[in-house]
Amino acid sequence: MNQPHGHHKPTLTVCACGQIRFTYGPITVRFDPDQFLAFASSVAMRGSQFRQSVGNCHPADASSAHGDLCH
């Protein structure tokens, strides 16, 4: 698996107030616990869908096959 930009590992911090901070590279997102669990579940499902749709194809090949544009 590729490392995030800058080789920063994702971090998860739970504050004393109960808020959760998820940091991935230069991005930090704050969540309430329920929001974080919903986000994590959604990302996991999208990751699974991506794996199934791409299979052994290169992501650029899969994207062009569907007419999607990058950038």
PDB file of N, CA and C in Angstrom:
ATOM      1  N   MET A   1       0.842  -1.174   0.000  1.00  0.00           N
ATOM      2  CA  MET A   1       0.000   0.000   0.000  1.00  0.00           C
ATOM      3  C   MET A   1       0.887   1.236   0.000  1.00  0.00           C
ATOM      4  N   ASN A   2       0.529   2.212  -0.796  1.00  0.00           N
ATOM      5  CA  ASN A   2       1.309   3.447  -0.869  1.00  0.00           C
ATOM      6  C   ASN A   2       1.110   4.282   0.374  1.00  0.00           C
ATOM      7  N   GLN A   3       2.168   4.981   0.775  1.00  0.00           N
ATOM      8  CA  GLN A   3       2.097   5.891   1.905  1.00  0.00           C
ATOM      9  C   GLN A   3       1.447   7.191   1.448  1.00  0.00           C
ATOM     10  N   PRO A   4       0.737   7.883   2.347  1.00  0.00           N
ATOM     11  CA  PRO A   4       0.188   9.195   2.004  1.00  0.00           C
ATOM     12  C   PRO A   4       1.314  10.147   1.613  1.00  0.00           C
ATOM     13  N   HIS A   5       0.942  11.230   0.948  1.00  0.00           N
ATOM     14  CA  HIS A   5       1.930  12.227   0.545  1.00  0.00           C
ATOM     15  C   HIS A   5       2.778  12.638   1.732  1.00  0.00           C
ATOM     16  N   GLY A   6       4.060  12.743   1.532  1.00  0.00           N
ATOM     17  CA  GLY A   6       4.963  13.140   2.591  1.00  0.00           C
ATOM     18  C   GLY A   6       5.260  12.020   3.565  1.00  0.00           C
ATOM     19  N   HIS A   7       4.793  10.817   3.277  1.00  0.00           N
ATOM     20  CA  HIS A   7       5.037   9.642   4.111  1.00  0.00           C
ATOM     21  C   HIS A   7       4.525   9.806   5.539  1.00  0.00           C
ATOM     22  N   HIS A   8       3.464  10.580   5.714  1.00  0.00           N
ATOM     23  CA  HIS A   8       2.845  10.720   7.023  1.00  0.00           C
ATOM     24  C   HIS A   8       1.850   9.588   7.212  1.00  0.00           C
ATOM     25  N   LYS A   9       1.880   8.984   8.381  1.00  0.00           N
ATOM     26  CA  LYS A   9       0.900   7.947   8.671  1.00  0.00           C
ATOM     27  C   LYS A   9      -0.382   8.601   9.166  1.00  0.00           C
ATOM     28  N   PRO A  10      -1.546   8.053   8.790  1.00  0.00           N
ATOM     29  CA  PRO A  10      -2.796   8.593   9.316  1.00  0.00           C
ATOM     30  C   PRO A  10      -2.812   8.480  10.846  1.00  0.00           C
ATOM     31  N   THR A  11      -3.364   9.488  11.501  1.00  0.00           N
ATOM     32  CA  THR A  11      -3.468   9.456  12.954  1.00  0.00           C
ATOM     33  C   THR A  11      -4.896   9.723  13.386  1.00  0.00           C
ATOM     34  N   LEU A  12      -5.237   9.191  14.540  1.00  0.00           N
ATOM     35  CA  LEU A  12      -6.555   9.378  15.122  1.00  0.00           C
ATOM     36  C   LEU A  12      -6.353   9.830  16.560  1.00  0.00           C
ATOM     37  N   THR A  13      -6.932  10.986  16.896  1.00  0.00           N
ATOM     38  CA  THR A  13      -6.791  11.538  18.235  1.00  0.00           C
ATOM     39  C   THR A  13      -8.185  11.747  18.820  1.00  0.00           C
ATOM     40  N   VAL A  14      -8.393  11.232  20.023  1.00  0.00           N
ATOM     41  CA  VAL A  14      -9.655  11.454  20.722  1.00  0.00           C
ATOM     42  C   VAL A  14      -9.397  12.502  21.799  1.00  0.00           C
ATOM     43  N   CYS A  15     -10.081  13.623  21.697  1.00  0.00           N
ATOM     44  CA  CYS A  15      -9.907  14.725  22.652  1.00  0.00           C
ATOM     45  C   CYS A  15     -10.697  14.441  23.929  1.00  0.00           C
ATOM     46  N   ALA A  16     -10.324  15.123  24.988  1.00  0.00           N
ATOM     47  CA  ALA A  16     -11.031  14.995  26.263  1.00  0.00           C
ATOM     48  C   ALA A  16     -12.494  15.403  26.126  1.00  0.00           C
ATOM     49  N   CYS A  17     -12.787  16.297  25.174  1.00  0.00           N
ATOM     50  CA  CYS A  17     -14.164  16.764  24.959  1.00  0.00           C
ATOM     51  C   CYS A  17     -15.003  15.735  24.195  1.00  0.00           C
ATOM     52  N   GLY A  18     -14.346  14.668  23.692  1.00  0.00           N
ATOM     53  CA  GLY A  18     -15.070  13.627  22.967  1.00  0.00           C
ATOM     54  C   GLY A  18     -14.950  13.732  21.457  1.00  0.00           C
ATOM     55  N   GLN A  19     -14.448  14.852  20.965  1.00  0.00           N
ATOM     56  CA  GLN A  19     -14.273  14.998  19.519  1.00  0.00           C
ATOM     57  C   GLN A  19     -13.123  14.134  19.035  1.00  0.00           C
ATOM     58  N   ILE A  20     -13.211  13.717  17.791  1.00  0.00           N
ATOM     59  CA  ILE A  20     -12.181  12.897  17.176  1.00  0.00           C
ATOM     60  C   ILE A  20     -11.529  13.709  16.072  1.00  0.00           C
ATOM     61  N   ARG A  21     -10.198  13.664  16.030  1.00  0.00           N
ATOM     62  CA  ARG A  21      -9.438  14.302  14.944  1.00  0.00           C
ATOM     63  C   ARG A  21      -8.758  13.204  14.158  1.00  0.00           C
ATOM     64  N   PHE A  22      -9.079  13.155  12.869  1.00  0.00           N
ATOM     65  CA  PHE A  22      -8.455  12.202  11.959  1.00  0.00           C
ATOM     66  C   PHE A  22      -7.550  13.002  11.041  1.00  0.00           C
ATOM     67  N   THR A  23      -6.262  12.678  11.056  1.00  0.00           N
ATOM     68  CA  THR A  23      -5.294  13.391  10.229  1.00  0.00           C
ATOM     69  C   THR A  23      -4.711  12.440   9.207  1.00  0.00           C
ATOM     70  N   TYR A  24      -4.726  12.874   7.956  1.00  0.00           N
ATOM     71  CA  TYR A  24      -4.164  12.113   6.846  1.00  0.00           C
ATOM     72  C   TYR A  24      -3.308  13.083   6.045  1.00  0.00           C
ATOM     73  N   GLY A  25      -2.000  12.938   6.171  1.00  0.00           N
ATOM     74  CA  GLY A  25      -1.095  13.895   5.513  1.00  0.00           C
ATOM     75  C   GLY A  25      -1.356  15.286   6.048  1.00  0.00           C
ATOM     76  N   PRO A  26      -1.573  16.271   5.169  1.00  0.00           N
ATOM     77  CA  PRO A  26      -1.772  17.646   5.617  1.00  0.00           C
ATOM     78  C   PRO A  26      -3.217  17.961   6.006  1.00  0.00           C
ATOM     79  N   ILE A  27      -4.111  16.964   5.926  1.00  0.00           N
ATOM     80  CA  ILE A  27      -5.535  17.199   6.161  1.00  0.00           C
ATOM     81  C   ILE A  27      -5.945  16.680   7.537  1.00  0.00           C
ATOM     82  N   THR A  28      -6.616  17.515   8.317  1.00  0.00           N
ATOM     83  CA  THR A  28      -7.190  17.094   9.588  1.00  0.00           C
ATOM     84  C   THR A  28      -8.683  17.369   9.545  1.00  0.00           C
ATOM     85  N   VAL A  29      -9.461  16.336   9.883  1.00  0.00           N
ATOM     86  CA  VAL A  29     -10.917  16.451   9.907  1.00  0.00           C
ATOM     87  C   VAL A  29     -11.380  16.142  11.318  1.00  0.00           C
ATOM     88  N   ARG A  30     -12.286  16.956  11.835  1.00  0.00           N
ATOM     89  CA  ARG A  30     -12.834  16.754  13.178  1.00  0.00           C
ATOM     90  C   ARG A  30     -14.222  16.135  13.065  1.00  0.00           C
ATOM     91  N   PHE A  31     -14.476  15.159  13.926  1.00  0.00           N
ATOM     92  CA  PHE A  31     -15.751  14.450  13.918  1.00  0.00           C
ATOM     93  C   PHE A  31     -16.283  14.286  15.331  1.00  0.00           C
ATOM     94  N   ASP A  32     -17.601  14.141  15.441  1.00  0.00           N
ATOM     95  CA  ASP A  32     -18.208  13.557  16.637  1.00  0.00           C
ATOM     96  C   ASP A  32     -18.030  12.050  16.470  1.00  0.00           C
ATOM     97  N   PRO A  33     -18.053  11.272  17.552  1.00  0.00           N
ATOM     98  CA  PRO A  33     -17.837   9.829  17.422  1.00  0.00           C
ATOM     99  C   PRO A  33     -18.749   9.137  16.404  1.00  0.00           C
ATOM    100  N   ASP A  34     -20.041   9.441  16.421  1.00  0.00           N
ATOM    101  CA  ASP A  34     -20.960   8.805  15.474  1.00  0.00           C
ATOM    102  C   ASP A  34     -20.636   9.197  14.034  1.00  0.00           C
ATOM    103  N   GLN A  35     -20.269  10.459  13.826  1.00  0.00           N
ATOM    104  CA  GLN A  35     -19.894  10.915  12.489  1.00  0.00           C
ATOM    105  C   GLN A  35     -18.650  10.184  12.001  1.00  0.00           C
ATOM    106  N   PHE A  36     -17.682  10.008  12.886  1.00  0.00           N
ATOM    107  CA  PHE A  36     -16.455   9.326  12.487  1.00  0.00           C
ATOM    108  C   PHE A  36     -16.745   7.881  12.091  1.00  0.00           C
ATOM    109  N   LEU A  37     -17.549   7.186  12.881  1.00  0.00           N
ATOM    110  CA  LEU A  37     -17.871   5.794  12.551  1.00  0.00           C
ATOM    111  C   LEU A  37     -18.603   5.693  11.217  1.00  0.00           C
ATOM    112  N   ALA A  38     -19.512   6.631  10.925  1.00  0.00           N
ATOM    113  CA  ALA A  38     -20.209   6.647   9.641  1.00  0.00           C
ATOM    114  C   ALA A  38     -19.221   6.914   8.502  1.00  0.00           C
ATOM    115  N   PHE A  39     -18.308   7.864   8.712  1.00  0.00           N
ATOM    116  CA  PHE A  39     -17.296   8.181   7.705  1.00  0.00           C
ATOM    117  C   PHE A  39     -16.403   6.970   7.435  1.00  0.00           C
ATOM    118  N   ALA A  40     -15.908   6.334   8.500  1.00  0.00           N
ATOM    119  CA  ALA A  40     -15.022   5.183   8.351  1.00  0.00           C
ATOM    120  C   ALA A  40     -15.725   4.046   7.616  1.00  0.00           C
ATOM    121  N   SER A  41     -16.976   3.812   7.935  1.00  0.00           N
ATOM    122  CA  SER A  41     -17.743   2.766   7.267  1.00  0.00           C
ATOM    123  C   SER A  41     -17.917   3.083   5.781  1.00  0.00           C
ATOM    124  N   SER A  42     -18.210   4.338   5.493  1.00  0.00           N
ATOM    125  CA  SER A  42     -18.400   4.759   4.102  1.00  0.00           C
ATOM    126  C   SER A  42     -17.116   4.610   3.294  1.00  0.00           C
ATOM    127  N   VAL A  43     -15.992   5.012   3.870  1.00  0.00           N
ATOM    128  CA  VAL A  43     -14.706   4.887   3.171  1.00  0.00           C
ATOM    129  C   VAL A  43     -14.373   3.409   2.943  1.00  0.00           C
ATOM    130  N   ALA A  44     -14.638   2.576   3.927  1.00  0.00           N
ATOM    131  CA  ALA A  44     -14.371   1.139   3.780  1.00  0.00           C
ATOM    132  C   ALA A  44     -15.223   0.542   2.659  1.00  0.00           C
ATOM    133  N   MET A  45     -16.496   0.931   2.600  1.00  0.00           N
ATOM    134  CA  MET A  45     -17.374   0.418   1.534  1.00  0.00           C
ATOM    135  C   MET A  45     -16.900   0.890   0.166  1.00  0.00           C
ATOM    136  N   ARG A  46     -16.519   2.172   0.050  1.00  0.00           N
ATOM    137  CA  ARG A  46     -16.044   2.696  -1.237  1.00  0.00           C
ATOM    138  C   ARG A  46     -14.743   2.017  -1.651  1.00  0.00           C
ATOM    139  N   GLY A  47     -13.878   1.739  -0.682  1.00  0.00           N
ATOM    140  CA  GLY A  47     -12.636   1.028  -0.977  1.00  0.00           C
ATOM    141  C   GLY A  47     -12.912  -0.359  -1.512  1.00  0.00           C
ATOM    142  N   SER A  48     -13.867  -1.042  -0.912  1.00  0.00           N
ATOM    143  CA  SER A  48     -14.250  -2.377  -1.362  1.00  0.00           C
ATOM    144  C   SER A  48     -14.843  -2.323  -2.769  1.00  0.00           C
ATOM    145  N   GLN A  49     -15.699  -1.345  -3.028  1.00  0.00           N
ATOM    146  CA  GLN A  49     -16.283  -1.174  -4.361  1.00  0.00           C
ATOM    147  C   GLN A  49     -15.198  -0.913  -5.394  1.00  0.00           C
ATOM    148  N   PHE A  50     -14.238  -0.072  -5.032  1.00  0.00           N
ATOM    149  CA  PHE A  50     -13.141   0.247  -5.942  1.00  0.00           C
ATOM    150  C   PHE A  50     -12.354  -1.009  -6.286  1.00  0.00           C
ATOM    151  N   ARG A  51     -12.005  -1.798  -5.266  1.00  0.00           N
ATOM    152  CA  ARG A  51     -11.263  -3.040  -5.496  1.00  0.00           C
ATOM    153  C   ARG A  51     -12.001  -3.963  -6.449  1.00  0.00           C
ATOM    154  N   GLN A  52     -13.304  -4.095  -6.246  1.00  0.00           N
ATOM    155  CA  GLN A  52     -14.098  -4.984  -7.085  1.00  0.00           C
ATOM    156  C   GLN A  52     -14.204  -4.454  -8.514  1.00  0.00           C
ATOM    157  N   SER A  53     -14.387  -3.155  -8.680  1.00  0.00           N
ATOM    158  CA  SER A  53     -14.581  -2.596 -10.020  1.00  0.00           C
ATOM    159  C   SER A  53     -13.292  -2.545 -10.825  1.00  0.00           C
ATOM    160  N   VAL A  54     -12.184  -2.320 -10.152  1.00  0.00           N
ATOM    161  CA  VAL A  54     -10.911  -2.195 -10.846  1.00  0.00           C
ATOM    162  C   VAL A  54     -10.260  -3.559 -11.050  1.00  0.00           C
ATOM    163  N   GLY A  55     -10.395  -4.435 -10.066  1.00  0.00           N
ATOM    164  CA  GLY A  55      -9.779  -5.749 -10.172  1.00  0.00           C
ATOM    165  C   GLY A  55      -8.291  -5.616 -10.398  1.00  0.00           C
ATOM    166  N   ASN A  56      -7.801  -6.217 -11.459  1.00  0.00           N
ATOM    167  CA  ASN A  56      -6.380  -6.172 -11.771  1.00  0.00           C
ATOM    168  C   ASN A  56      -6.031  -5.079 -12.769  1.00  0.00           C
ATOM    169  N   CYS A  57      -7.008  -4.263 -13.145  1.00  0.00           N
ATOM    170  CA  CYS A  57      -6.756  -3.183 -14.108  1.00  0.00           C
ATOM    171  C   CYS A  57      -6.074  -2.021 -13.423  1.00  0.00           C
ATOM    172  N   HIS A  58      -5.356  -1.253 -14.201  1.00  0.00           N
ATOM    173  CA  HIS A  58      -4.763  -0.009 -13.724  1.00  0.00           C
ATOM    174  C   HIS A  58      -5.908   0.996 -13.551  1.00  0.00           C
ATOM    175  N   PRO A  59      -5.949   1.768 -12.459  1.00  0.00           N
ATOM    176  CA  PRO A  59      -7.044   2.720 -12.234  1.00  0.00           C
ATOM    177  C   PRO A  59      -7.289   3.662 -13.409  1.00  0.00           C
ATOM    178  N   ALA A  60      -6.262   4.085 -14.128  1.00  0.00           N
ATOM    179  CA  ALA A  60      -6.448   4.970 -15.274  1.00  0.00           C
ATOM    180  C   ALA A  60      -7.223   4.253 -16.374  1.00  0.00           C
ATOM    181  N   ASP A  61      -6.953   2.958 -16.563  1.00  0.00           N
ATOM    182  CA  ASP A  61      -7.682   2.186 -17.568  1.00  0.00           C
ATOM    183  C   ASP A  61      -9.150   2.086 -17.202  1.00  0.00           C
ATOM    184  N   ALA A  62      -9.450   1.824 -15.945  1.00  0.00           N
ATOM    185  CA  ALA A  62     -10.829   1.699 -15.497  1.00  0.00           C
ATOM    186  C   ALA A  62     -11.553   3.027 -15.633  1.00  0.00           C
ATOM    187  N   SER A  63     -10.867   4.127 -15.341  1.00  0.00           N
ATOM    188  CA  SER A  63     -11.478   5.441 -15.429  1.00  0.00           C
ATOM    189  C   SER A  63     -11.839   5.777 -16.870  1.00  0.00           C
ATOM    190  N   SER A  64     -10.925   5.544 -17.801  1.00  0.00           N
ATOM    191  CA  SER A  64     -11.194   5.884 -19.198  1.00  0.00           C
ATOM    192  C   SER A  64     -12.267   4.992 -19.793  1.00  0.00           C
ATOM    193  N   ALA A  65     -12.405   3.781 -19.283  1.00  0.00           N
ATOM    194  CA  ALA A  65     -13.424   2.870 -19.789  1.00  0.00           C
ATOM    195  C   ALA A  65     -14.809   3.396 -19.460  1.00  0.00           C
ATOM    196  N   HIS A  66     -14.940   4.198 -18.409  1.00  0.00           N
ATOM    197  CA  HIS A  66     -16.231   4.742 -18.021  1.00  0.00           C
ATOM    198  C   HIS A  66     -16.419   6.185 -18.459  1.00  0.00           C
ATOM    199  N   GLY A  67     -15.448   6.734 -19.169  1.00  0.00           N
ATOM    200  CA  GLY A  67     -15.563   8.102 -19.656  1.00  0.00           C
ATOM    201  C   GLY A  67     -15.346   9.150 -18.590  1.00  0.00           C
ATOM    202  N   ASP A  68     -14.848   8.776 -17.426  1.00  0.00           N
ATOM    203  CA  ASP A  68     -14.596   9.747 -16.371  1.00  0.00           C
ATOM    204  C   ASP A  68     -13.313  10.504 -16.670  1.00  0.00           C
ATOM    205  N   LEU A  69     -13.277  11.759 -16.296  1.00  0.00           N
ATOM    206  CA  LEU A  69     -12.092  12.564 -16.481  1.00  0.00           C
ATOM    207  C   LEU A  69     -11.377  12.759 -15.159  1.00  0.00           C
ATOM    208  N   CYS A  70     -10.080  12.801 -15.228  1.00  0.00           N
ATOM    209  CA  CYS A  70      -9.287  13.075 -14.031  1.00  0.00           C
ATOM    210  C   CYS A  70      -8.813  14.522 -14.098  1.00  0.00           C
ATOM    211  N   HIS A  71      -9.021  15.244 -13.032  1.00  0.00           N
ATOM    212  CA  HIS A  71      -8.621  16.654 -12.900  1.00  0.00           C
ATOM    213  C   HIS A  71      -9.495  17.476 -13.801  1.00  0.00           C
TER     214      HIS A  71
END
